[in-house]
Amino acid sequence: MIYGFLADAVLISHLIFIIFAAFGGLLVIRSIKFVYFHIPAVIWAFIVQWFAMICPLTYLEMFLRTMAGESGYSGGFIDHYASSLIYLDIGPSMHIFLAIGVLLLNLAIYGFVLVKLNRG
């Protein structure tokens, strides 16, 4: 049972990381210190998508699911909904599109943040 719980925790952490990589630049408005965590997250997200890599969190989750006696993502709310958001079955051109998309989204966010911070 503990392995299933840990696997779900990894899945949720993975989803939170993805949201942070996409929109975490907005936290820089609160404190400039967030940039030290966010920029590496964006770089990692870009690299994983550009090279169509599998994130180590995926391997950790699958290991924990195996230890829990589970296979794949059958059953449960988290398994059914959250995993389909994270583990998309997409082709190589879509990975490139997502990699460029994460960069462009964050350039736009940081542009917004710079304007916001310069105004006061």
PDB file of N, CA and C in Angstrom:
ATOM      1  N   MET A   1       0.816  -1.196   0.000  1.00  0.00           N
ATOM      2  CA  MET A   1       0.000   0.000   0.000  1.00  0.00           C
ATOM      3  C   MET A   1       0.857   1.257   0.000  1.00  0.00           C
ATOM      4  N   ILE A   2       1.961   1.227   0.731  1.00  0.00           N
ATOM      5  CA  ILE A   2       2.824   2.407   0.807  1.00  0.00           C
ATOM      6  C   ILE A   2       3.418   2.729  -0.565  1.00  0.00           C
ATOM      7  N   TYR A   3       3.743   1.685  -1.349  1.00  0.00           N
ATOM      8  CA  TYR A   3       4.314   1.925  -2.669  1.00  0.00           C
ATOM      9  C   TYR A   3       3.318   2.603  -3.601  1.00  0.00           C
ATOM     10  N   GLY A   4       2.076   2.210  -3.521  1.00  0.00           N
ATOM     11  CA  GLY A   4       1.035   2.854  -4.322  1.00  0.00           C
ATOM     12  C   GLY A   4       0.871   4.313  -3.939  1.00  0.00           C
ATOM     13  N   PHE A   5       0.897   4.589  -2.643  1.00  0.00           N
ATOM     14  CA  PHE A   5       0.814   5.970  -2.156  1.00  0.00           C
ATOM     15  C   PHE A   5       2.008   6.779  -2.653  1.00  0.00           C
ATOM     16  N   LEU A   6       3.214   6.205  -2.549  1.00  0.00           N
ATOM     17  CA  LEU A   6       4.417   6.907  -3.017  1.00  0.00           C
ATOM     18  C   LEU A   6       4.365   7.146  -4.526  1.00  0.00           C
ATOM     19  N   ALA A   7       3.868   6.172  -5.279  1.00  0.00           N
ATOM     20  CA  ALA A   7       3.740   6.339  -6.734  1.00  0.00           C
ATOM     21  C   ALA A   7       2.794   7.490  -7.055  1.00  0.00           C
ATOM     22  N   ASP A   8       1.669   7.566  -6.335  1.00  0.00           N
ATOM     23  CA  ASP A   8       0.734   8.681  -6.536  1.00  0.00           C
ATOM     24  C   ASP A   8       1.378  10.009  -6.155  1.00  0.00           C
ATOM     25  N   ALA A   9       2.181  10.014  -5.090  1.00  0.00           N
ATOM     26  CA  ALA A   9       2.884  11.234  -4.674  1.00  0.00           C
ATOM     27  C   ALA A   9       3.874  11.686  -5.747  1.00  0.00           C
ATOM     28  N   VAL A  10       4.561  10.738  -6.363  1.00  0.00           N
ATOM     29  CA  VAL A  10       5.486  11.078  -7.447  1.00  0.00           C
ATOM     30  C   VAL A  10       4.712  11.646  -8.632  1.00  0.00           C
ATOM     31  N   LEU A  11       3.581  11.036  -8.964  1.00  0.00           N
ATOM     32  CA  LEU A  11       2.758  11.517 -10.067  1.00  0.00           C
ATOM     33  C   LEU A  11       2.295  12.953  -9.826  1.00  0.00           C
ATOM     34  N   ILE A  12       1.833  13.229  -8.621  1.00  0.00           N
ATOM     35  CA  ILE A  12       1.382  14.582  -8.284  1.00  0.00           C
ATOM     36  C   ILE A  12       2.555  15.553  -8.315  1.00  0.00           C
ATOM     37  N   SER A  13       3.703  15.142  -7.787  1.00  0.00           N
ATOM     38  CA  SER A  13       4.901  15.990  -7.834  1.00  0.00           C
ATOM     39  C   SER A  13       5.305  16.295  -9.270  1.00  0.00           C
ATOM     40  N   HIS A  14       5.184  15.302 -10.130  1.00  0.00           N
ATOM     41  CA  HIS A  14       5.505  15.460 -11.547  1.00  0.00           C
ATOM     42  C   HIS A  14       4.591  16.518 -12.183  1.00  0.00           C
ATOM     43  N   LEU A  15       3.313  16.419 -11.897  1.00  0.00           N
ATOM     44  CA  LEU A  15       2.349  17.385 -12.419  1.00  0.00           C
ATOM     45  C   LEU A  15       2.644  18.794 -11.899  1.00  0.00           C
ATOM     46  N   ILE A  16       2.952  18.916 -10.624  1.00  0.00           N
ATOM     47  CA  ILE A  16       3.289  20.217 -10.043  1.00  0.00           C
ATOM     48  C   ILE A  16       4.536  20.794 -10.706  1.00  0.00           C
ATOM     49  N   PHE A  17       5.539  19.936 -10.958  1.00  0.00           N
ATOM     50  CA  PHE A  17       6.756  20.402 -11.627  1.00  0.00           C
ATOM     51  C   PHE A  17       6.442  20.931 -13.022  1.00  0.00           C
ATOM     52  N   ILE A  18       5.594  20.234 -13.753  1.00  0.00           N
ATOM     53  CA  ILE A  18       5.230  20.666 -15.106  1.00  0.00           C
ATOM     54  C   ILE A  18       4.540  22.029 -15.061  1.00  0.00           C
ATOM     55  N   ILE A  19       3.635  22.206 -14.128  1.00  0.00           N
ATOM     56  CA  ILE A  19       2.951  23.494 -13.981  1.00  0.00           C
ATOM     57  C   ILE A  19       3.951  24.578 -13.593  1.00  0.00           C
ATOM     58  N   PHE A  20       4.871  24.249 -12.686  1.00  0.00           N
ATOM     59  CA  PHE A  20       5.899  25.206 -12.282  1.00  0.00           C
ATOM     60  C   PHE A  20       6.797  25.588 -13.456  1.00  0.00           C
ATOM     61  N   ALA A  21       7.213  24.606 -14.256  1.00  0.00           N
ATOM     62  CA  ALA A  21       8.068  24.894 -15.406  1.00  0.00           C
ATOM     63  C   ALA A  21       7.354  25.790 -16.411  1.00  0.00           C
ATOM     64  N   ALA A  22       6.059  25.605 -16.557  1.00  0.00           N
ATOM     65  CA  ALA A  22       5.296  26.397 -17.519  1.00  0.00           C
ATOM     66  C   ALA A  22       4.994  27.800 -16.998  1.00  0.00           C
ATOM     67  N   PHE A  23       4.589  27.925 -15.751  1.00  0.00           N
ATOM     68  CA  PHE A  23       4.073  29.203 -15.251  1.00  0.00           C
ATOM     69  C   PHE A  23       4.809  29.770 -14.036  1.00  0.00           C
ATOM     70  N   GLY A  24       5.846  29.087 -13.579  1.00  0.00           N
ATOM     71  CA  GLY A  24       6.558  29.518 -12.380  1.00  0.00           C
ATOM     72  C   GLY A  24       7.221  30.872 -12.484  1.00  0.00           C
ATOM     73  N   GLY A  25       7.436  31.352 -13.698  1.00  0.00           N
ATOM     74  CA  GLY A  25       8.026  32.684 -13.867  1.00  0.00           C
ATOM     75  C   GLY A  25       7.172  33.775 -13.236  1.00  0.00           C
ATOM     76  N   LEU A  26       5.877  33.529 -13.121  1.00  0.00           N
ATOM     77  CA  LEU A  26       4.995  34.515 -12.490  1.00  0.00           C
ATOM     78  C   LEU A  26       5.323  34.700 -11.012  1.00  0.00           C
ATOM     79  N   LEU A  27       5.940  33.701 -10.390  1.00  0.00           N
ATOM     80  CA  LEU A  27       6.325  33.810  -8.983  1.00  0.00           C
ATOM     81  C   LEU A  27       7.450  34.821  -8.772  1.00  0.00           C
ATOM     82  N   VAL A  28       8.149  35.162  -9.832  1.00  0.00           N
ATOM     83  CA  VAL A  28       9.236  36.136  -9.736  1.00  0.00           C
ATOM     84  C   VAL A  28       8.692  37.510  -9.334  1.00  0.00           C
ATOM     85  N   ILE A  29       7.421  37.761  -9.632  1.00  0.00           N
ATOM     86  CA  ILE A  29       6.793  39.018  -9.197  1.00  0.00           C
ATOM     87  C   ILE A  29       6.819  39.088  -7.668  1.00  0.00           C
ATOM     88  N   ARG A  30       6.624  37.956  -7.002  1.00  0.00           N
ATOM     89  CA  ARG A  30       6.638  37.914  -5.528  1.00  0.00           C
ATOM     90  C   ARG A  30       8.047  38.027  -4.972  1.00  0.00           C
ATOM     91  N   SER A  31       8.981  37.299  -5.591  1.00  0.00           N
ATOM     92  CA  SER A  31      10.369  37.311  -5.128  1.00  0.00           C
ATOM     93  C   SER A  31      11.286  36.917  -6.275  1.00  0.00           C
ATOM     94  N   ILE A  32      12.329  37.707  -6.469  1.00  0.00           N
ATOM     95  CA  ILE A  32      13.297  37.446  -7.534  1.00  0.00           C
ATOM     96  C   ILE A  32      14.007  36.105  -7.315  1.00  0.00           C
ATOM     97  N   LYS A  33      14.013  35.621  -6.093  1.00  0.00           N
ATOM     98  CA  LYS A  33      14.700  34.365  -5.775  1.00  0.00           C
ATOM     99  C   LYS A  33      14.094  33.160  -6.498  1.00  0.00           C
ATOM    100  N   PHE A  34      12.838  33.254  -6.892  1.00  0.00           N
ATOM    101  CA  PHE A  34      12.205  32.145  -7.615  1.00  0.00           C
ATOM    102  C   PHE A  34      12.887  31.882  -8.956  1.00  0.00           C
ATOM    103  N   VAL A  35      13.533  32.887  -9.508  1.00  0.00           N
ATOM    104  CA  VAL A  35      14.188  32.718 -10.810  1.00  0.00           C
ATOM    105  C   VAL A  35      15.279  31.649 -10.734  1.00  0.00           C
ATOM    106  N   TYR A  36      15.908  31.500  -9.563  1.00  0.00           N
ATOM    107  CA  TYR A  36      16.982  30.511  -9.411  1.00  0.00           C
ATOM    108  C   TYR A  36      16.458  29.073  -9.446  1.00  0.00           C
ATOM    109  N   PHE A  37      15.192  28.900  -9.173  1.00  0.00           N
ATOM    110  CA  PHE A  37      14.570  27.578  -9.249  1.00  0.00           C
ATOM    111  C   PHE A  37      13.842  27.386 -10.578  1.00  0.00           C
ATOM    112  N   HIS A  38      13.280  28.479 -11.069  1.00  0.00           N
ATOM    113  CA  HIS A  38      12.445  28.369 -12.257  1.00  0.00           C
ATOM    114  C   HIS A  38      13.252  28.186 -13.542  1.00  0.00           C
ATOM    115  N   ILE A  39      14.294  28.972 -13.721  1.00  0.00           N
ATOM    116  CA  ILE A  39      15.082  28.860 -14.965  1.00  0.00           C
ATOM    117  C   ILE A  39      15.627  27.436 -15.158  1.00  0.00           C
ATOM    118  N   PRO A  40      16.222  26.801 -14.134  1.00  0.00           N
ATOM    119  CA  PRO A  40      16.633  25.398 -14.341  1.00  0.00           C
ATOM    120  C   PRO A  40      15.461  24.471 -14.677  1.00  0.00           C
ATOM    121  N   ALA A  41      14.289  24.720 -14.104  1.00  0.00           N
ATOM    122  CA  ALA A  41      13.113  23.900 -14.422  1.00  0.00           C
ATOM    123  C   ALA A  41      12.728  24.057 -15.888  1.00  0.00           C
ATOM    124  N   VAL A  42      12.778  25.279 -16.400  1.00  0.00           N
ATOM    125  CA  VAL A  42      12.461  25.523 -17.810  1.00  0.00           C
ATOM    126  C   VAL A  42      13.488  24.840 -18.708  1.00  0.00           C
ATOM    127  N   ILE A  43      14.749  24.955 -18.344  1.00  0.00           N
ATOM    128  CA  ILE A  43      15.807  24.308 -19.138  1.00  0.00           C
ATOM    129  C   ILE A  43      15.593  22.800 -19.162  1.00  0.00           C
ATOM    130  N   TRP A  44      15.288  22.219 -18.004  1.00  0.00           N
ATOM    131  CA  TRP A  44      15.045  20.773 -17.944  1.00  0.00           C
ATOM    132  C   TRP A  44      13.833  20.388 -18.795  1.00  0.00           C
ATOM    133  N   ALA A  45      12.755  21.140 -18.675  1.00  0.00           N
ATOM    134  CA  ALA A  45      11.551  20.848 -19.457  1.00  0.00           C
ATOM    135  C   ALA A  45      11.858  20.929 -20.955  1.00  0.00           C
ATOM    136  N   PHE A  46      12.628  21.930 -21.359  1.00  0.00           N
ATOM    137  CA  PHE A  46      13.009  22.070 -22.768  1.00  0.00           C
ATOM    138  C   PHE A  46      13.820  20.859 -23.220  1.00  0.00           C
ATOM    139  N   ILE A  47      14.829  20.484 -22.451  1.00  0.00           N
ATOM    140  CA  ILE A  47      15.703  19.367 -22.827  1.00  0.00           C
ATOM    141  C   ILE A  47      14.911  18.065 -22.940  1.00  0.00           C
ATOM    142  N   VAL A  48      14.059  17.806 -21.953  1.00  0.00           N
ATOM    143  CA  VAL A  48      13.272  16.567 -21.965  1.00  0.00           C
ATOM    144  C   VAL A  48      12.384  16.509 -23.210  1.00  0.00           C
ATOM    145  N   GLN A  49      11.758  17.628 -23.568  1.00  0.00           N
ATOM    146  CA  GLN A  49      10.892  17.634 -24.754  1.00  0.00           C
ATOM    147  C   GLN A  49      11.704  17.602 -26.047  1.00  0.00           C
ATOM    148  N   TRP A  50      12.727  18.428 -26.144  1.00  0.00           N
ATOM    149  CA  TRP A  50      13.515  18.528 -27.380  1.00  0.00           C
ATOM    150  C   TRP A  50      14.107  17.173 -27.776  1.00  0.00           C
ATOM    151  N   PHE A  51      14.629  16.455 -26.767  1.00  0.00           N
ATOM    152  CA  PHE A  51      15.268  15.175 -27.039  1.00  0.00           C
ATOM    153  C   PHE A  51      14.323  13.988 -26.811  1.00  0.00           C
ATOM    154  N   ALA A  52      13.043  14.264 -26.581  1.00  0.00           N
ATOM    155  CA  ALA A  52      12.021  13.230 -26.355  1.00  0.00           C
ATOM    156  C   ALA A  52      12.486  12.218 -25.302  1.00  0.00           C
ATOM    157  N   MET A  53      13.045  12.748 -24.225  1.00  0.00           N
ATOM    158  CA  MET A  53      13.543  11.906 -23.135  1.00  0.00           C
ATOM    159  C   MET A  53      12.388  11.502 -22.207  1.00  0.00           C
ATOM    160  N   ILE A  54      12.637  10.501 -21.435  1.00  0.00           N
ATOM    161  CA  ILE A  54      11.704  10.115 -20.380  1.00  0.00           C
ATOM    162  C   ILE A  54      12.267  10.653 -19.074  1.00  0.00           C
ATOM    163  N   CYS A  55      11.461  11.426 -18.390  1.00  0.00           N
ATOM    164  CA  CYS A  55      11.875  12.032 -17.133  1.00  0.00           C
ATOM    165  C   CYS A  55      12.147  10.947 -16.089  1.00  0.00           C
ATOM    166  N   PRO A  56      13.179  11.134 -15.269  1.00  0.00           N
ATOM    167  CA  PRO A  56      13.452  10.151 -14.211  1.00  0.00           C
ATOM    168  C   PRO A  56      12.278   9.941 -13.245  1.00  0.00           C
ATOM    169  N   LEU A  57      11.429  10.949 -13.090  1.00  0.00           N
ATOM    170  CA  LEU A  57      10.260  10.771 -12.233  1.00  0.00           C
ATOM    171  C   LEU A  57       9.331   9.698 -12.780  1.00  0.00           C
ATOM    172  N   THR A  58       9.292   9.549 -14.084  1.00  0.00           N
ATOM    173  CA  THR A  58       8.480   8.508 -14.701  1.00  0.00           C
ATOM    174  C   THR A  58       9.000   7.129 -14.307  1.00  0.00           C
ATOM    175  N   TYR A  59      10.315   6.964 -14.389  1.00  0.00           N
ATOM    176  CA  TYR A  59      10.904   5.681 -14.003  1.00  0.00           C
ATOM    177  C   TYR A  59      10.665   5.386 -12.525  1.00  0.00           C
ATOM    178  N   LEU A  60      10.794   6.410 -11.688  1.00  0.00           N
ATOM    179  CA  LEU A  60      10.556   6.224 -10.261  1.00  0.00           C
ATOM    180  C   LEU A  60       9.111   5.814 -10.000  1.00  0.00           C
ATOM    181  N   GLU A  61       8.193   6.496 -10.643  1.00  0.00           N
ATOM    182  CA  GLU A  61       6.783   6.158 -10.456  1.00  0.00           C
ATOM    183  C   GLU A  61       6.496   4.726 -10.908  1.00  0.00           C
ATOM    184  N   MET A  62       6.994   4.350 -12.064  1.00  0.00           N
ATOM    185  CA  MET A  62       6.733   3.000 -12.575  1.00  0.00           C
ATOM    186  C   MET A  62       7.361   1.934 -11.673  1.00  0.00           C
ATOM    187  N   PHE A  63       8.539   2.212 -11.136  1.00  0.00           N
ATOM    188  CA  PHE A  63       9.161   1.288 -10.183  1.00  0.00           C
ATOM    189  C   PHE A  63       8.270   1.114  -8.957  1.00  0.00           C
ATOM    190  N   LEU A  64       7.799   2.237  -8.427  1.00  0.00           N
ATOM    191  CA  LEU A  64       6.938   2.182  -7.236  1.00  0.00           C
ATOM    192  C   LEU A  64       5.630   1.460  -7.534  1.00  0.00           C
ATOM    193  N   ARG A  65       5.084   1.665  -8.721  1.00  0.00           N
ATOM    194  CA  ARG A  65       3.842   0.966  -9.089  1.00  0.00           C
ATOM    195  C   ARG A  65       4.091  -0.541  -9.189  1.00  0.00           C
ATOM    196  N   THR A  66       5.236  -0.911  -9.747  1.00  0.00           N
ATOM    197  CA  THR A  66       5.585  -2.330  -9.833  1.00  0.00           C
ATOM    198  C   THR A  66       5.735  -2.928  -8.437  1.00  0.00           C
ATOM    199  N   MET A  67       6.387  -2.180  -7.548  1.00  0.00           N
ATOM    200  CA  MET A  67       6.554  -2.647  -6.171  1.00  0.00           C
ATOM    201  C   MET A  67       5.206  -2.780  -5.464  1.00  0.00           C
ATOM    202  N   ALA A  68       4.239  -1.956  -5.878  1.00  0.00           N
ATOM    203  CA  ALA A  68       2.898  -2.014  -5.290  1.00  0.00           C
ATOM    204  C   ALA A  68       2.048  -3.108  -5.918  1.00  0.00           C
ATOM    205  N   GLY A  69       2.603  -3.807  -6.914  1.00  0.00           N
ATOM    206  CA  GLY A  69       1.853  -4.862  -7.577  1.00  0.00           C
ATOM    207  C   GLY A  69       0.928  -4.347  -8.657  1.00  0.00           C
ATOM    208  N   GLU A  70       1.117  -3.089  -9.065  1.00  0.00           N
ATOM    209  CA  GLU A  70       0.282  -2.487 -10.108  1.00  0.00           C
ATOM    210  C   GLU A  70       1.014  -2.551 -11.440  1.00  0.00           C
ATOM    211  N   SER A  71       0.259  -2.326 -12.496  1.00  0.00           N
ATOM    212  CA  SER A  71       0.877  -2.185 -13.806  1.00  0.00           C
ATOM    213  C   SER A  71       0.150  -1.081 -14.552  1.00  0.00           C
ATOM    214  N   GLY A  72       0.890  -0.216 -15.162  1.00  0.00           N
ATOM    215  CA  GLY A  72       0.295   0.867 -15.940  1.00  0.00           C
ATOM    216  C   GLY A  72      -0.496   1.824 -15.077  1.00  0.00           C
ATOM    217  N   TYR A  73      -1.566   2.345 -15.644  1.00  0.00           N
ATOM    218  CA  TYR A  73      -2.346   3.369 -14.969  1.00  0.00           C
ATOM    219  C   TYR A  73      -3.819   2.997 -14.885  1.00  0.00           C
ATOM    220  N   SER A  74      -4.095   1.766 -14.528  1.00  0.00           N
ATOM    221  CA  SER A  74      -5.490   1.376 -14.425  1.00  0.00           C
ATOM    222  C   SER A  74      -6.003   1.666 -13.019  1.00  0.00           C
ATOM    223  N   GLY A  75      -7.219   2.174 -12.974  1.00  0.00           N
ATOM    224  CA  GLY A  75      -7.864   2.408 -11.692  1.00  0.00           C
ATOM    225  C   GLY A  75      -7.464   3.701 -11.016  1.00  0.00           C
ATOM    226  N   GLY A  76      -8.364   4.223 -10.233  1.00  0.00           N
ATOM    227  CA  GLY A  76      -8.089   5.402  -9.429  1.00  0.00           C
ATOM    228  C   GLY A  76      -8.197   6.703 -10.197  1.00  0.00           C
ATOM    229  N   PHE A  77      -8.647   7.737  -9.510  1.00  0.00           N
ATOM    230  CA  PHE A  77      -8.801   9.059 -10.113  1.00  0.00           C
ATOM    231  C   PHE A  77      -7.465   9.620 -10.595  1.00  0.00           C
ATOM    232  N   ILE A  78      -6.475   9.588  -9.718  1.00  0.00           N
ATOM    233  CA  ILE A  78      -5.170  10.156 -10.068  1.00  0.00           C
ATOM    234  C   ILE A  78      -4.593   9.434 -11.271  1.00  0.00           C
ATOM    235  N   ASP A  79      -4.628   8.114 -11.233  1.00  0.00           N
ATOM    236  CA  ASP A  79      -4.084   7.342 -12.350  1.00  0.00           C
ATOM    237  C   ASP A  79      -4.782   7.668 -13.661  1.00  0.00           C
ATOM    238  N   HIS A  80      -6.089   7.736 -13.605  1.00  0.00           N
ATOM    239  CA  HIS A  80      -6.857   7.908 -14.843  1.00  0.00           C
ATOM    240  C   HIS A  80      -6.717   9.311 -15.428  1.00  0.00           C
ATOM    241  N   TYR A  81      -6.796  10.347 -14.614  1.00  0.00           N
ATOM    242  CA  TYR A  81      -6.813  11.719 -15.119  1.00  0.00           C
ATOM    243  C   TYR A  81      -5.443  12.376 -15.166  1.00  0.00           C
ATOM    244  N   ALA A  82      -4.716  12.367 -14.066  1.00  0.00           N
ATOM    245  CA  ALA A  82      -3.436  13.082 -14.021  1.00  0.00           C
ATOM    246  C   ALA A  82      -2.390  12.434 -14.913  1.00  0.00           C
ATOM    247  N   SER A  83      -2.329  11.114 -14.945  1.00  0.00           N
ATOM    248  CA  SER A  83      -1.306  10.472 -15.766  1.00  0.00           C
ATOM    249  C   SER A  83      -1.517  10.746 -17.245  1.00  0.00           C
ATOM    250  N   SER A  84      -2.761  10.875 -17.684  1.00  0.00           N
ATOM    251  CA  SER A  84      -2.998  11.158 -19.103  1.00  0.00           C
ATOM    252  C   SER A  84      -2.552  12.574 -19.471  1.00  0.00           C
ATOM    253  N   LEU A  85      -2.502  13.468 -18.508  1.00  0.00           N
ATOM    254  CA  LEU A  85      -1.985  14.820 -18.767  1.00  0.00           C
ATOM    255  C   LEU A  85      -0.469  14.837 -18.874  1.00  0.00           C
ATOM    256  N   ILE A  86       0.185  13.973 -18.113  1.00  0.00           N
ATOM    257  CA  ILE A  86       1.643  13.988 -18.051  1.00  0.00           C
ATOM    258  C   ILE A  86       2.269  13.084 -19.101  1.00  0.00           C
ATOM    259  N   TYR A  87       1.760  11.866 -19.253  1.00  0.00           N
ATOM    260  CA  TYR A  87       2.398  10.877 -20.105  1.00  0.00           C
ATOM    261  C   TYR A  87       1.671  10.770 -21.441  1.00  0.00           C
ATOM    262  N   LEU A  88       1.807  11.795 -22.235  1.00  0.00           N
ATOM    263  CA  LEU A  88       1.162  11.820 -23.544  1.00  0.00           C
ATOM    264  C   LEU A  88       1.931  10.951 -24.531  1.00  0.00           C
ATOM    265  N   ASP A  89       1.216  10.270 -25.386  1.00  0.00           N
ATOM    266  CA  ASP A  89       1.839   9.478 -26.436  1.00  0.00           C
ATOM    267  C   ASP A  89       1.865  10.341 -27.688  1.00  0.00           C
ATOM    268  N   ILE A  90       2.969  11.053 -27.885  1.00  0.00           N
ATOM    269  CA  ILE A  90       3.074  12.005 -28.989  1.00  0.00           C
ATOM    270  C   ILE A  90       4.291  11.683 -29.841  1.00  0.00           C
ATOM    271  N   GLY A  91       4.278  12.182 -31.065  1.00  0.00           N
ATOM    272  CA  GLY A  91       5.379  11.947 -31.991  1.00  0.00           C
ATOM    273  C   GLY A  91       6.515  12.936 -31.808  1.00  0.00           C
ATOM    274  N   PRO A  92       7.622  12.720 -32.527  1.00  0.00           N
ATOM    275  CA  PRO A  92       8.801  13.571 -32.402  1.00  0.00           C
ATOM    276  C   PRO A  92       8.543  15.044 -32.732  1.00  0.00           C
ATOM    277  N   SER A  93       7.727  15.323 -33.748  1.00  0.00           N
ATOM    278  CA  SER A  93       7.486  16.723 -34.103  1.00  0.00           C
ATOM    279  C   SER A  93       6.713  17.443 -33.002  1.00  0.00           C
ATOM    280  N   MET A  94       5.848  16.727 -32.285  1.00  0.00           N
ATOM    281  CA  MET A  94       5.115  17.345 -31.186  1.00  0.00           C
ATOM    282  C   MET A  94       6.048  17.639 -30.010  1.00  0.00           C
ATOM    283  N   HIS A  95       7.052  16.794 -29.802  1.00  0.00           N
ATOM    284  CA  HIS A  95       8.040  17.075 -28.747  1.00  0.00           C
ATOM    285  C   HIS A  95       8.783  18.379 -29.041  1.00  0.00           C
ATOM    286  N   ILE A  96       9.164  18.577 -30.295  1.00  0.00           N
ATOM    287  CA  ILE A  96       9.847  19.817 -30.688  1.00  0.00           C
ATOM    288  C   ILE A  96       8.908  21.005 -30.476  1.00  0.00           C
ATOM    289  N   PHE A  97       7.659  20.851 -30.869  1.00  0.00           N
ATOM    290  CA  PHE A  97       6.666  21.903 -30.692  1.00  0.00           C
ATOM    291  C   PHE A  97       6.519  22.260 -29.207  1.00  0.00           C
ATOM    292  N   LEU A  98       6.443  21.256 -28.341  1.00  0.00           N
ATOM    293  CA  LEU A  98       6.320  21.507 -26.905  1.00  0.00           C
ATOM    294  C   LEU A  98       7.571  22.157 -26.330  1.00  0.00           C
ATOM    295  N   ALA A  99       8.744  21.743 -26.806  1.00  0.00           N
ATOM    296  CA  ALA A  99       9.996  22.342 -26.335  1.00  0.00           C
ATOM    297  C   ALA A  99      10.043  23.829 -26.678  1.00  0.00           C
ATOM    298  N   ILE A 100       9.717  24.153 -27.913  1.00  0.00           N
ATOM    299  CA  ILE A 100       9.698  25.557 -28.330  1.00  0.00           C
ATOM    300  C   ILE A 100       8.583  26.305 -27.604  1.00  0.00           C
ATOM    301  N   GLY A 101       7.461  25.638 -27.422  1.00  0.00           N
ATOM    302  CA  GLY A 101       6.335  26.249 -26.721  1.00  0.00           C
ATOM    303  C   GLY A 101       6.670  26.641 -25.296  1.00  0.00           C
ATOM    304  N   VAL A 102       7.382  25.767 -24.573  1.00  0.00           N
ATOM    305  CA  VAL A 102       7.743  26.091 -23.186  1.00  0.00           C
ATOM    306  C   VAL A 102       8.693  27.285 -23.147  1.00  0.00           C
ATOM    307  N   LEU A 103       9.572  27.385 -24.127  1.00  0.00           N
ATOM    308  CA  LEU A 103      10.469  28.552 -24.185  1.00  0.00           C
ATOM    309  C   LEU A 103       9.702  29.828 -24.505  1.00  0.00           C
ATOM    310  N   LEU A 104       8.849  29.775 -25.499  1.00  0.00           N
ATOM    311  CA  LEU A 104       8.098  30.975 -25.880  1.00  0.00           C
ATOM    312  C   LEU A 104       7.147  31.422 -24.766  1.00  0.00           C
ATOM    313  N   LEU A 105       6.485  30.469 -24.143  1.00  0.00           N
ATOM    314  CA  LEU A 105       5.592  30.804 -23.034  1.00  0.00           C
ATOM    315  C   LEU A 105       6.365  31.509 -21.928  1.00  0.00           C
ATOM    316  N   ASN A 106       7.537  30.995 -21.597  1.00  0.00           N
ATOM    317  CA  ASN A 106       8.312  31.598 -20.515  1.00  0.00           C
ATOM    318  C   ASN A 106       8.949  32.923 -20.914  1.00  0.00           C
ATOM    319  N   LEU A 107       9.300  33.086 -22.164  1.00  0.00           N
ATOM    320  CA  LEU A 107       9.768  34.401 -22.623  1.00  0.00           C
ATOM    321  C   LEU A 107       8.653  35.428 -22.471  1.00  0.00           C
ATOM    322  N   ALA A 108       7.443  35.047 -22.819  1.00  0.00           N
ATOM    323  CA  ALA A 108       6.301  35.950 -22.660  1.00  0.00           C
ATOM    324  C   ALA A 108       6.047  36.252 -21.184  1.00  0.00           C
ATOM    325  N   ILE A 109       6.125  35.242 -20.340  1.00  0.00           N
ATOM    326  CA  ILE A 109       5.908  35.454 -18.907  1.00  0.00           C
ATOM    327  C   ILE A 109       6.978  36.373 -18.339  1.00  0.00           C
ATOM    328  N   TYR A 110       8.232  36.132 -18.679  1.00  0.00           N
ATOM    329  CA  TYR A 110       9.304  36.986 -18.147  1.00  0.00           C
ATOM    330  C   TYR A 110       9.216  38.399 -18.716  1.00  0.00           C
ATOM    331  N   GLY A 111       8.750  38.539 -19.944  1.00  0.00           N
ATOM    332  CA  GLY A 111       8.497  39.882 -20.478  1.00  0.00           C
ATOM    333  C   GLY A 111       7.446  40.592 -19.650  1.00  0.00           C
ATOM    334  N   PHE A 112       6.359  39.892 -19.334  1.00  0.00           N
ATOM    335  CA  PHE A 112       5.308  40.439 -18.487  1.00  0.00           C
ATOM    336  C   PHE A 112       5.850  40.801 -17.107  1.00  0.00           C
ATOM    337  N   VAL A 113       6.649  39.910 -16.531  1.00  0.00           N
ATOM    338  CA  VAL A 113       7.221  40.139 -15.200  1.00  0.00           C
ATOM    339  C   VAL A 113       8.118  41.374 -15.209  1.00  0.00           C
ATOM    340  N   LEU A 114       8.949  41.517 -16.236  1.00  0.00           N
ATOM    341  CA  LEU A 114       9.839  42.689 -16.313  1.00  0.00           C
ATOM    342  C   LEU A 114       9.037  43.988 -16.405  1.00  0.00           C
ATOM    343  N   VAL A 115       7.995  43.997 -17.216  1.00  0.00           N
ATOM    344  CA  VAL A 115       7.144  45.188 -17.321  1.00  0.00           C
ATOM    345  C   VAL A 115       6.494  45.472 -15.972  1.00  0.00           C
ATOM    346  N   LYS A 116       5.986  44.441 -15.336  1.00  0.00           N
ATOM    347  CA  LYS A 116       5.307  44.596 -14.034  1.00  0.00           C
ATOM    348  C   LYS A 116       6.271  45.125 -12.977  1.00  0.00           C
ATOM    349  N   LEU A 117       7.479  44.582 -12.936  1.00  0.00           N
ATOM    350  CA  LEU A 117       8.457  45.010 -11.920  1.00  0.00           C
ATOM    351  C   LEU A 117       8.970  46.419 -12.188  1.00  0.00           C
ATOM    352  N   ASN A 118       9.090  46.803 -13.446  1.00  0.00           N
ATOM    353  CA  ASN A 118       9.571  48.147 -13.788  1.00  0.00           C
ATOM    354  C   ASN A 118       8.525  49.218 -13.499  1.00  0.00           C
ATOM    355  N   ARG A 119       7.262  48.847 -13.502  1.00  0.00           N
ATOM    356  CA  ARG A 119       6.187  49.806 -13.221  1.00  0.00           C
ATOM    357  C   ARG A 119       6.012  50.037 -11.736  1.00  0.00           C
ATOM    358  N   GLY A 120       6.569  49.198 -10.947  1.00  0.00           N
ATOM    359  CA  GLY A 120       6.466  49.496  -9.538  1.00  0.00           C
ATOM    360  C   GLY A 120       6.150  48.370  -8.710  1.00  0.00           C
TER     361      GLY A 120
END
